[in-house]
């Protein structure tokens, strides 16, 4: 890893059960004042691991770290490294973190020419002009080169998946706020449905550090 990615420090730890060991490593890694604050993990490929994966994710959320989950599609990889679509609901505290991640991504040689779009679905009863202005201000404050796209309201929340496929079907990376489980679907199932038919995606859950992150819609 150190040879392939200059500038990083790598450490390999053996374990019997990664679903148990990863949260333990997160909880015990680092020094006083330099604790782990962001964790990047993969996505389950075998449905039989869904429950154990969900339990692992819940444990790391309890540890209050920002969690990044890479849903890598080996048949598509990262495409041409030309387009990153960031999906935000305009309210969740993930927005600022996802923008920062996109900025860091475009500082790498592979993604330096990528176009970043921040897509937000508008809400009924909200002033779209005001929302667009807030969206552009947020991008400007973050000092990120990105296009803010405000889309029309959806008739049904479940149609969000179809909209993401329509807008981001050709994106090389899709960045989304990880959806919460429902009564009918587990954490993995609800996010697999949300991202069905897409290429590689990065699912994000922020720590409490981002609790004061800006929003363009007020919670109802």
Protein backbone atom coordinates (compact mmCIF):
# COMPACT_ATOMS: atom_id res chain seq x y z
CA UNK A 1 0.00 0.00 0.00
CA UNK A 2 2.77 2.46 0.89
CA UNK A 3 4.47 1.76 -2.43
CA UNK A 4 1.27 2.29 -4.41
CA UNK A 5 0.11 5.34 -2.45
CA UNK A 6 3.12 7.49 -1.50
CA UNK A 7 2.65 9.56 1.64
CA UNK A 8 0.41 7.17 3.53
CA UNK A 9 1.24 5.00 6.52
CA UNK A 10 -0.09 1.46 6.23
CA UNK A 11 -0.62 -1.16 8.90
CA UNK A 12 -1.97 -4.67 8.43
CA UNK A 13 -3.82 -6.32 11.31
CA UNK A 14 -4.90 -9.94 11.20
CA UNK A 15 -8.33 -10.88 12.54
CA UNK A 16 -10.83 -13.70 12.60
CA UNK A 17 -13.96 -11.62 12.14
CA UNK A 18 -13.61 -8.24 10.37
CA UNK A 19 -17.14 -7.20 11.36
CA UNK A 20 -16.07 -7.30 14.99
CA UNK A 21 -12.44 -6.25 14.59
CA UNK A 22 -12.95 -3.12 12.49
CA UNK A 23 -14.93 -1.23 15.19
CA UNK A 24 -12.38 -2.39 17.77
CA UNK A 25 -9.54 -1.00 15.64
CA UNK A 26 -11.42 2.28 15.21
CA UNK A 27 -12.06 2.58 18.96
CA UNK A 28 -8.45 1.91 19.92
CA UNK A 29 -6.47 3.49 17.06
CA UNK A 30 -4.64 6.80 17.42
CA UNK A 31 -3.18 8.90 20.21
CA UNK A 32 -4.71 11.32 22.69
CA UNK A 33 -5.91 14.29 20.68
CA UNK A 34 -5.37 12.42 17.41
CA UNK A 35 -8.15 9.84 17.47
CA UNK A 36 -9.66 8.32 14.36
CA UNK A 37 -12.36 10.61 12.95
CA UNK A 38 -13.03 9.21 9.45
CA UNK A 39 -13.32 5.57 8.46
CA UNK A 40 -13.50 4.18 4.92
CA UNK A 41 -14.85 0.65 4.49
CA UNK A 42 -16.17 -1.47 1.64
CA UNK A 43 -19.71 -2.64 0.96
CA UNK A 44 -21.03 -6.20 1.48
CA UNK A 45 -21.09 -8.33 -1.66
CA UNK A 46 -22.72 -11.32 0.03
CA UNK A 47 -26.28 -10.80 1.31
CA UNK A 48 -25.61 -13.30 4.11
CA UNK A 49 -23.35 -10.64 5.71
CA UNK A 50 -25.94 -7.84 5.67
CA UNK A 51 -26.96 -8.15 9.33
CA UNK A 52 -23.37 -8.34 10.58
CA UNK A 53 -22.39 -5.39 8.37
CA UNK A 54 -25.32 -3.32 9.70
CA UNK A 55 -24.32 -4.11 13.27
CA UNK A 56 -20.74 -3.05 12.51
CA UNK A 57 -21.94 0.23 10.99
CA UNK A 58 -24.15 0.93 14.03
CA UNK A 59 -21.20 0.35 16.33
CA UNK A 60 -19.03 2.84 14.42
CA UNK A 61 -21.84 5.42 14.39
CA UNK A 62 -21.92 5.03 18.18
CA UNK A 63 -18.18 5.76 18.17
CA UNK A 64 -19.03 9.10 16.49
CA UNK A 65 -16.76 8.84 13.46
CA UNK A 66 -17.59 9.99 9.96
CA UNK A 67 -18.23 6.82 8.02
CA UNK A 68 -17.53 6.39 4.30
CA UNK A 69 -18.76 3.21 2.62
CA UNK A 70 -17.46 2.45 -0.87
CA UNK A 71 -19.99 0.50 -2.96
CA UNK A 72 -17.49 -0.44 -5.64
CA UNK A 73 -18.75 -1.94 -8.90
CA UNK A 74 -15.90 -3.97 -10.38
CA UNK A 75 -17.48 -4.06 -13.86
CA UNK A 76 -17.48 -0.25 -14.06
CA UNK A 77 -14.76 0.79 -11.63
CA UNK A 78 -14.40 4.57 -11.67
CA UNK A 79 -15.12 4.89 -15.38
CA UNK A 80 -13.19 7.72 -16.99
CA UNK A 81 -12.65 9.70 -13.74
CA UNK A 82 -14.51 12.59 -15.37
CA UNK A 83 -17.69 13.17 -13.37
CA UNK A 84 -18.67 13.13 -9.70
CA UNK A 85 -22.32 13.57 -8.75
CA UNK A 86 -23.06 14.46 -5.13
CA UNK A 87 -26.66 13.94 -3.97
CA UNK A 88 -27.84 15.92 -0.96
CA UNK A 89 -31.32 16.51 0.46
CA UNK A 90 -30.52 20.12 1.36
CA UNK A 91 -30.89 19.52 5.07
CA UNK A 92 -28.81 16.55 6.30
CA UNK A 93 -25.50 17.47 7.91
CA UNK A 94 -23.72 15.41 5.23
CA UNK A 95 -23.65 18.20 2.65
CA UNK A 96 -20.50 19.98 3.78
CA UNK A 97 -18.61 16.71 4.29
CA UNK A 98 -19.55 15.40 0.84
CA UNK A 99 -18.40 18.65 -0.77
CA UNK A 100 -15.10 18.47 1.10
CA UNK A 101 -14.58 14.87 0.02
CA UNK A 102 -15.25 15.83 -3.60
CA UNK A 103 -12.73 18.67 -3.35
CA UNK A 104 -10.08 16.36 -1.91
CA UNK A 105 -10.81 13.83 -4.64
CA UNK A 106 -10.20 16.38 -7.40
CA UNK A 107 -6.80 17.26 -5.95
CA UNK A 108 -5.58 13.79 -6.97
CA UNK A 109 -3.97 13.30 -10.36
CA UNK A 110 -6.60 10.77 -11.49
CA UNK A 111 -9.58 13.04 -10.76
CA UNK A 112 -8.04 16.49 -11.32
CA UNK A 113 -10.15 17.18 -14.43
CA UNK A 114 -13.40 15.76 -13.06
CA UNK A 115 -16.58 17.82 -13.07
CA UNK A 116 -18.42 17.90 -9.73
CA UNK A 117 -22.17 18.46 -9.45
CA UNK A 118 -24.09 18.98 -6.22
CA UNK A 119 -27.66 17.88 -6.88
CA UNK A 120 -30.51 18.81 -4.54
CA UNK A 121 -34.19 17.99 -4.97
CA UNK A 122 -36.34 21.00 -4.14
CA UNK A 123 -39.29 20.86 -1.75
CA UNK A 124 -42.83 22.01 -2.20
CA UNK A 125 -43.59 25.23 -0.38
CA UNK A 126 -40.01 26.49 -0.51
CA UNK A 127 -38.76 29.43 -2.55
CA UNK A 128 -36.64 27.83 -5.28
CA UNK A 129 -34.77 31.05 -6.07
CA UNK A 130 -33.79 31.41 -2.42
CA UNK A 131 -32.78 27.74 -2.24
CA UNK A 132 -30.61 28.07 -5.37
CA UNK A 133 -28.93 31.15 -3.91
CA UNK A 134 -28.18 29.31 -0.65
CA UNK A 135 -26.87 26.33 -2.59
CA UNK A 136 -24.45 28.46 -4.58
CA UNK A 137 -23.38 30.32 -1.41
CA UNK A 138 -22.64 27.03 0.31
CA UNK A 139 -20.48 25.88 -2.59
CA UNK A 140 -18.69 29.23 -2.60
CA UNK A 141 -18.06 29.13 1.16
CA UNK A 142 -16.62 25.64 0.80
CA UNK A 143 -14.29 26.96 -1.94
CA UNK A 144 -15.12 23.96 -4.07
CA UNK A 145 -15.38 24.06 -7.86
CA UNK A 146 -18.80 22.49 -8.38
CA UNK A 147 -22.09 23.14 -10.15
CA UNK A 148 -25.13 23.44 -7.90
CA UNK A 149 -28.20 21.84 -9.47
CA UNK A 150 -31.65 22.35 -7.91
CA UNK A 151 -34.12 19.79 -9.25
CA UNK A 152 -37.95 19.95 -9.13
CA UNK A 153 -39.75 18.38 -6.14
CA UNK A 154 -40.56 14.66 -6.25
CA UNK A 155 -44.10 13.32 -6.06
CA UNK A 156 -42.98 10.37 -3.93
CA UNK A 157 -39.83 9.84 -1.89
CA UNK A 158 -39.47 6.34 -3.35
CA UNK A 159 -38.98 7.83 -6.82
CA UNK A 160 -35.64 9.30 -5.70
CA UNK A 161 -33.89 6.13 -6.84
CA UNK A 162 -35.28 6.55 -10.38
CA UNK A 163 -34.19 10.21 -10.43
CA UNK A 164 -30.65 9.32 -9.34
CA UNK A 165 -30.43 6.72 -12.10
CA UNK A 166 -31.73 9.21 -14.65
CA UNK A 167 -29.39 12.05 -13.63
CA UNK A 168 -26.32 10.06 -12.63
CA UNK A 169 -26.43 6.98 -14.83
CA UNK A 170 -23.22 8.09 -16.54
CA UNK A 171 -21.41 9.52 -13.50
CA UNK A 172 -18.06 7.93 -12.69
CA UNK A 173 -18.70 8.28 -8.95
CA UNK A 174 -21.95 8.96 -7.11
CA UNK A 175 -21.74 10.34 -3.56
CA UNK A 176 -24.84 10.06 -1.37
CA UNK A 177 -25.97 10.35 2.23
CA UNK A 178 -26.51 6.78 3.40
CA UNK A 179 -30.23 6.16 3.85
CA UNK A 180 -31.56 4.83 7.15
CA UNK A 181 -33.25 1.41 7.35
CA UNK A 182 -37.04 1.17 7.20
CA UNK A 183 -39.54 -1.25 8.72
CA UNK A 184 -39.41 -3.32 5.53
CA UNK A 185 -35.76 -2.97 4.46
CA UNK A 186 -32.42 -3.30 6.23
CA UNK A 187 -29.67 -0.69 6.03
CA UNK A 188 -27.94 -2.54 3.19
CA UNK A 189 -31.16 -3.33 1.33
CA UNK A 190 -32.52 0.22 1.36
CA UNK A 191 -29.23 1.63 0.05
CA UNK A 192 -28.83 -1.11 -2.56
CA UNK A 193 -32.29 -0.21 -3.86
CA UNK A 194 -31.46 3.49 -3.83
CA UNK A 195 -28.33 2.92 -5.93
CA UNK A 196 -29.55 0.06 -8.13
CA UNK A 197 -28.29 0.25 -11.71
CA UNK A 198 -25.54 2.76 -10.95
CA UNK A 199 -21.78 2.46 -11.04
CA UNK A 200 -19.47 2.93 -8.08
CA UNK A 201 -20.92 4.96 -5.22
CA UNK A 202 -19.68 6.39 -1.93
CA UNK A 203 -22.20 6.37 0.92
CA UNK A 204 -21.56 8.88 3.70
CA UNK A 205 -22.64 9.19 7.35
CA UNK A 206 -21.17 12.23 9.17
CA UNK A 207 -20.06 12.44 12.79
CA UNK A 208 -21.52 14.95 15.27
CA UNK A 209 -18.65 17.29 14.31
CA UNK A 210 -20.83 18.33 11.36
CA UNK A 211 -23.96 18.97 13.44
CA UNK A 212 -23.79 22.70 12.67
CA UNK A 213 -23.22 22.23 8.93
CA UNK A 214 -25.21 24.63 6.73
CA UNK A 215 -28.53 23.67 5.15
CA UNK A 216 -30.65 25.26 2.43
CA UNK A 217 -33.97 23.94 3.75
CA UNK A 218 -35.27 24.30 7.27
CA UNK A 219 -36.40 21.12 9.02
CA UNK A 220 -40.15 20.74 9.34
